[in-house]
Amino acid sequence: MGDVERTEQALIAALELQPGNGVSHHLMSWALSAQERWAEAADARRRVIELDEDVWQQWTWLADLEARAGDSDAARAAL
């Protein structure tokens, strides 16, 4: 409902219970992005990919986050 900090806290708790839940990592990436914490959001997105969500959409989202974090080499590699 627009409270990204509270969403992040709920996701931290969810990931402690189920660290392999790709949906929670996806949502964490969103919550961190909404706070402009680009590098952390990219880390969460990489975790989604590691959890068998190795599809092109994840890679383009990762590339965008890497670019926003200022790492153009990593962004190009993701693409």
N, C-alpha and C. Protein backbone atom coordinates (compact mmCIF):
# COMPACT_ATOMS: atom_id res chain seq x y z
N MET A 1 0.83 -1.20 0.00
CA MET A 1 0.00 0.00 0.00
C MET A 1 0.87 1.26 0.00
N GLY A 2 2.04 1.16 -0.59
CA GLY A 2 2.89 2.33 -0.70
C GLY A 2 3.92 2.49 0.40
N ASP A 3 3.93 1.62 1.37
CA ASP A 3 4.89 1.70 2.47
C ASP A 3 6.03 0.73 2.20
N VAL A 4 7.01 1.17 1.41
CA VAL A 4 8.07 0.26 0.97
C VAL A 4 8.99 -0.17 2.11
N GLU A 5 9.20 0.69 3.08
CA GLU A 5 10.04 0.30 4.21
C GLU A 5 9.39 -0.84 5.00
N ARG A 6 8.10 -0.74 5.21
CA ARG A 6 7.39 -1.79 5.93
C ARG A 6 7.34 -3.07 5.10
N THR A 7 7.20 -2.92 3.79
CA THR A 7 7.22 -4.07 2.89
C THR A 7 8.57 -4.77 2.99
N GLU A 8 9.64 -3.98 2.98
CA GLU A 8 10.98 -4.56 3.10
C GLU A 8 11.11 -5.35 4.40
N GLN A 9 10.63 -4.81 5.49
CA GLN A 9 10.73 -5.50 6.78
C GLN A 9 9.95 -6.82 6.75
N ALA A 10 8.78 -6.82 6.14
CA ALA A 10 7.99 -8.05 6.04
C ALA A 10 8.73 -9.08 5.17
N LEU A 11 9.38 -8.62 4.13
CA LEU A 11 10.11 -9.53 3.25
C LEU A 11 11.35 -10.09 3.93
N ILE A 12 12.00 -9.30 4.75
CA ILE A 12 13.14 -9.82 5.52
C ILE A 12 12.68 -10.98 6.39
N ALA A 13 11.54 -10.82 7.05
CA ALA A 13 11.00 -11.89 7.89
C ALA A 13 10.62 -13.11 7.05
N ALA A 14 10.01 -12.86 5.90
CA ALA A 14 9.61 -13.97 5.02
C ALA A 14 10.83 -14.74 4.52
N LEU A 15 11.88 -14.02 4.17
CA LEU A 15 13.09 -14.68 3.66
C LEU A 15 13.86 -15.42 4.73
N GLU A 16 13.70 -15.01 5.98
CA GLU A 16 14.31 -15.78 7.07
C GLU A 16 13.64 -17.14 7.19
N LEU A 17 12.32 -17.17 6.94
CA LEU A 17 11.57 -18.43 7.02
C LEU A 17 11.75 -19.29 5.78
N GLN A 18 11.82 -18.64 4.60
CA GLN A 18 11.94 -19.36 3.34
C GLN A 18 12.96 -18.66 2.44
N PRO A 19 14.24 -18.88 2.69
CA PRO A 19 15.27 -18.16 1.92
C PRO A 19 15.29 -18.51 0.44
N GLY A 20 14.69 -19.60 0.05
CA GLY A 20 14.67 -20.00 -1.35
C GLY A 20 13.42 -19.59 -2.09
N ASN A 21 12.63 -18.70 -1.52
CA ASN A 21 11.39 -18.27 -2.16
C ASN A 21 11.69 -17.16 -3.18
N GLY A 22 11.62 -17.50 -4.44
CA GLY A 22 11.93 -16.55 -5.51
C GLY A 22 11.00 -15.36 -5.54
N VAL A 23 9.74 -15.57 -5.22
CA VAL A 23 8.78 -14.46 -5.24
C VAL A 23 9.15 -13.41 -4.20
N SER A 24 9.59 -13.86 -3.04
CA SER A 24 9.99 -12.90 -2.00
C SER A 24 11.22 -12.11 -2.43
N HIS A 25 12.16 -12.77 -3.10
CA HIS A 25 13.34 -12.05 -3.60
C HIS A 25 12.93 -11.06 -4.69
N HIS A 26 11.99 -11.45 -5.54
CA HIS A 26 11.48 -10.56 -6.58
C HIS A 26 10.86 -9.31 -5.94
N LEU A 27 10.04 -9.53 -4.94
CA LEU A 27 9.40 -8.40 -4.26
C LEU A 27 10.42 -7.55 -3.50
N MET A 28 11.45 -8.21 -2.95
CA MET A 28 12.50 -7.45 -2.25
C MET A 28 13.22 -6.55 -3.25
N SER A 29 13.50 -7.06 -4.43
CA SER A 29 14.14 -6.24 -5.45
C SER A 29 13.28 -5.02 -5.75
N TRP A 30 11.98 -5.23 -5.87
CA TRP A 30 11.07 -4.11 -6.11
C TRP A 30 11.12 -3.10 -4.96
N ALA A 31 11.04 -3.58 -3.71
CA ALA A 31 11.03 -2.70 -2.55
C ALA A 31 12.32 -1.89 -2.46
N LEU A 32 13.44 -2.52 -2.72
CA LEU A 32 14.72 -1.81 -2.68
C LEU A 32 14.83 -0.80 -3.82
N SER A 33 14.31 -1.18 -4.99
CA SER A 33 14.29 -0.25 -6.13
C SER A 33 13.46 0.98 -5.81
N ALA A 34 12.33 0.76 -5.17
CA ALA A 34 11.45 1.88 -4.83
C ALA A 34 12.13 2.86 -3.88
N GLN A 35 13.14 2.38 -3.16
CA GLN A 35 13.91 3.23 -2.25
C GLN A 35 15.21 3.72 -2.90
N GLU A 36 15.35 3.43 -4.19
CA GLU A 36 16.53 3.80 -4.98
C GLU A 36 17.82 3.21 -4.41
N ARG A 37 17.70 2.02 -3.87
CA ARG A 37 18.85 1.27 -3.37
C ARG A 37 19.22 0.26 -4.45
N TRP A 38 19.77 0.80 -5.53
CA TRP A 38 19.95 0.06 -6.78
C TRP A 38 20.84 -1.17 -6.64
N ALA A 39 21.98 -1.04 -5.99
CA ALA A 39 22.91 -2.17 -5.88
C ALA A 39 22.28 -3.31 -5.07
N GLU A 40 21.59 -2.99 -4.00
CA GLU A 40 20.93 -4.01 -3.20
C GLU A 40 19.79 -4.66 -3.98
N ALA A 41 19.08 -3.85 -4.74
CA ALA A 41 18.00 -4.38 -5.58
C ALA A 41 18.57 -5.33 -6.63
N ALA A 42 19.73 -4.99 -7.19
CA ALA A 42 20.38 -5.87 -8.16
C ALA A 42 20.79 -7.18 -7.51
N ASP A 43 21.28 -7.13 -6.28
CA ASP A 43 21.64 -8.37 -5.57
C ASP A 43 20.41 -9.27 -5.40
N ALA A 44 19.29 -8.67 -5.03
CA ALA A 44 18.06 -9.44 -4.87
C ALA A 44 17.61 -10.02 -6.21
N ARG A 45 17.76 -9.25 -7.27
CA ARG A 45 17.37 -9.73 -8.61
C ARG A 45 18.26 -10.89 -9.04
N ARG A 46 19.57 -10.81 -8.75
CA ARG A 46 20.47 -11.92 -9.06
C ARG A 46 20.05 -13.20 -8.32
N ARG A 47 19.58 -13.03 -7.11
CA ARG A 47 19.11 -14.19 -6.33
C ARG A 47 17.89 -14.82 -6.99
N VAL A 48 17.00 -14.00 -7.53
CA VAL A 48 15.84 -14.53 -8.25
C VAL A 48 16.32 -15.41 -9.41
N ILE A 49 17.29 -14.90 -10.15
CA ILE A 49 17.83 -15.64 -11.30
C ILE A 49 18.46 -16.95 -10.84
N GLU A 50 19.19 -16.91 -9.74
CA GLU A 50 19.83 -18.12 -9.21
C GLU A 50 18.80 -19.18 -8.80
N LEU A 51 17.61 -18.73 -8.44
CA LEU A 51 16.56 -19.65 -7.98
C LEU A 51 15.70 -20.14 -9.14
N ASP A 52 16.34 -20.33 -10.29
CA ASP A 52 15.70 -20.91 -11.47
C ASP A 52 14.67 -20.01 -12.13
N GLU A 53 14.84 -18.72 -12.01
CA GLU A 53 14.03 -17.78 -12.77
C GLU A 53 14.90 -17.16 -13.85
N ASP A 54 15.64 -18.01 -14.52
CA ASP A 54 16.60 -17.58 -15.53
C ASP A 54 15.88 -17.31 -16.85
N VAL A 55 15.10 -16.25 -16.87
CA VAL A 55 14.34 -15.85 -18.07
C VAL A 55 14.76 -14.44 -18.46
N TRP A 56 14.52 -14.08 -19.69
CA TRP A 56 15.02 -12.81 -20.21
C TRP A 56 14.53 -11.60 -19.43
N GLN A 57 13.30 -11.65 -18.92
CA GLN A 57 12.79 -10.49 -18.19
C GLN A 57 13.63 -10.20 -16.96
N GLN A 58 14.05 -11.25 -16.25
CA GLN A 58 14.88 -11.05 -15.07
C GLN A 58 16.21 -10.39 -15.43
N TRP A 59 16.78 -10.82 -16.56
CA TRP A 59 18.06 -10.26 -16.99
C TRP A 59 17.94 -8.80 -17.41
N THR A 60 16.83 -8.43 -18.05
CA THR A 60 16.68 -7.02 -18.43
C THR A 60 16.44 -6.16 -17.19
N TRP A 61 15.69 -6.68 -16.22
CA TRP A 61 15.51 -5.93 -14.97
C TRP A 61 16.84 -5.78 -14.26
N LEU A 62 17.63 -6.84 -14.25
CA LEU A 62 18.96 -6.78 -13.62
C LEU A 62 19.83 -5.75 -14.32
N ALA A 63 19.83 -5.75 -15.65
CA ALA A 63 20.63 -4.78 -16.41
C ALA A 63 20.23 -3.35 -16.04
N ASP A 64 18.94 -3.10 -15.94
CA ASP A 64 18.47 -1.76 -15.57
C ASP A 64 18.96 -1.38 -14.18
N LEU A 65 18.88 -2.29 -13.23
CA LEU A 65 19.33 -2.00 -11.87
C LEU A 65 20.83 -1.76 -11.82
N GLU A 66 21.59 -2.57 -12.55
CA GLU A 66 23.04 -2.37 -12.58
C GLU A 66 23.39 -1.00 -13.17
N ALA A 67 22.69 -0.61 -14.22
CA ALA A 67 22.93 0.71 -14.83
C ALA A 67 22.60 1.82 -13.83
N ARG A 68 21.49 1.69 -13.14
CA ARG A 68 21.11 2.71 -12.15
C ARG A 68 22.12 2.78 -11.00
N ALA A 69 22.73 1.61 -10.69
CA ALA A 69 23.74 1.57 -9.62
C ALA A 69 25.07 2.12 -10.10
N GLY A 70 25.17 2.40 -11.39
CA GLY A 70 26.40 2.99 -11.93
C GLY A 70 27.40 1.99 -12.44
N ASP A 71 27.00 0.74 -12.59
CA ASP A 71 27.92 -0.29 -13.06
C ASP A 71 27.54 -0.67 -14.50
N SER A 72 28.04 0.11 -15.44
CA SER A 72 27.67 -0.12 -16.84
C SER A 72 28.24 -1.44 -17.38
N ASP A 73 29.38 -1.87 -16.87
CA ASP A 73 29.93 -3.17 -17.31
C ASP A 73 29.00 -4.30 -16.90
N ALA A 74 28.53 -4.28 -15.67
CA ALA A 74 27.61 -5.32 -15.20
C ALA A 74 26.29 -5.25 -15.94
N ALA A 75 25.84 -4.04 -16.26
CA ALA A 75 24.59 -3.89 -17.02
C ALA A 75 24.73 -4.52 -18.39
N ARG A 76 25.84 -4.25 -19.06
CA ARG A 76 26.08 -4.85 -20.39
C ARG A 76 26.18 -6.38 -20.28
N ALA A 77 26.83 -6.85 -19.26
CA ALA A 77 26.97 -8.30 -19.08
C ALA A 77 25.60 -8.95 -18.87
N ALA A 78 24.72 -8.30 -18.13
CA ALA A 78 23.38 -8.84 -17.90
C ALA A 78 22.57 -8.91 -19.20
N LEU A 79 22.79 -7.91 -20.05
CA LEU A 79 22.08 -7.93 -21.33
C LEU A 79 22.63 -9.02 -22.23
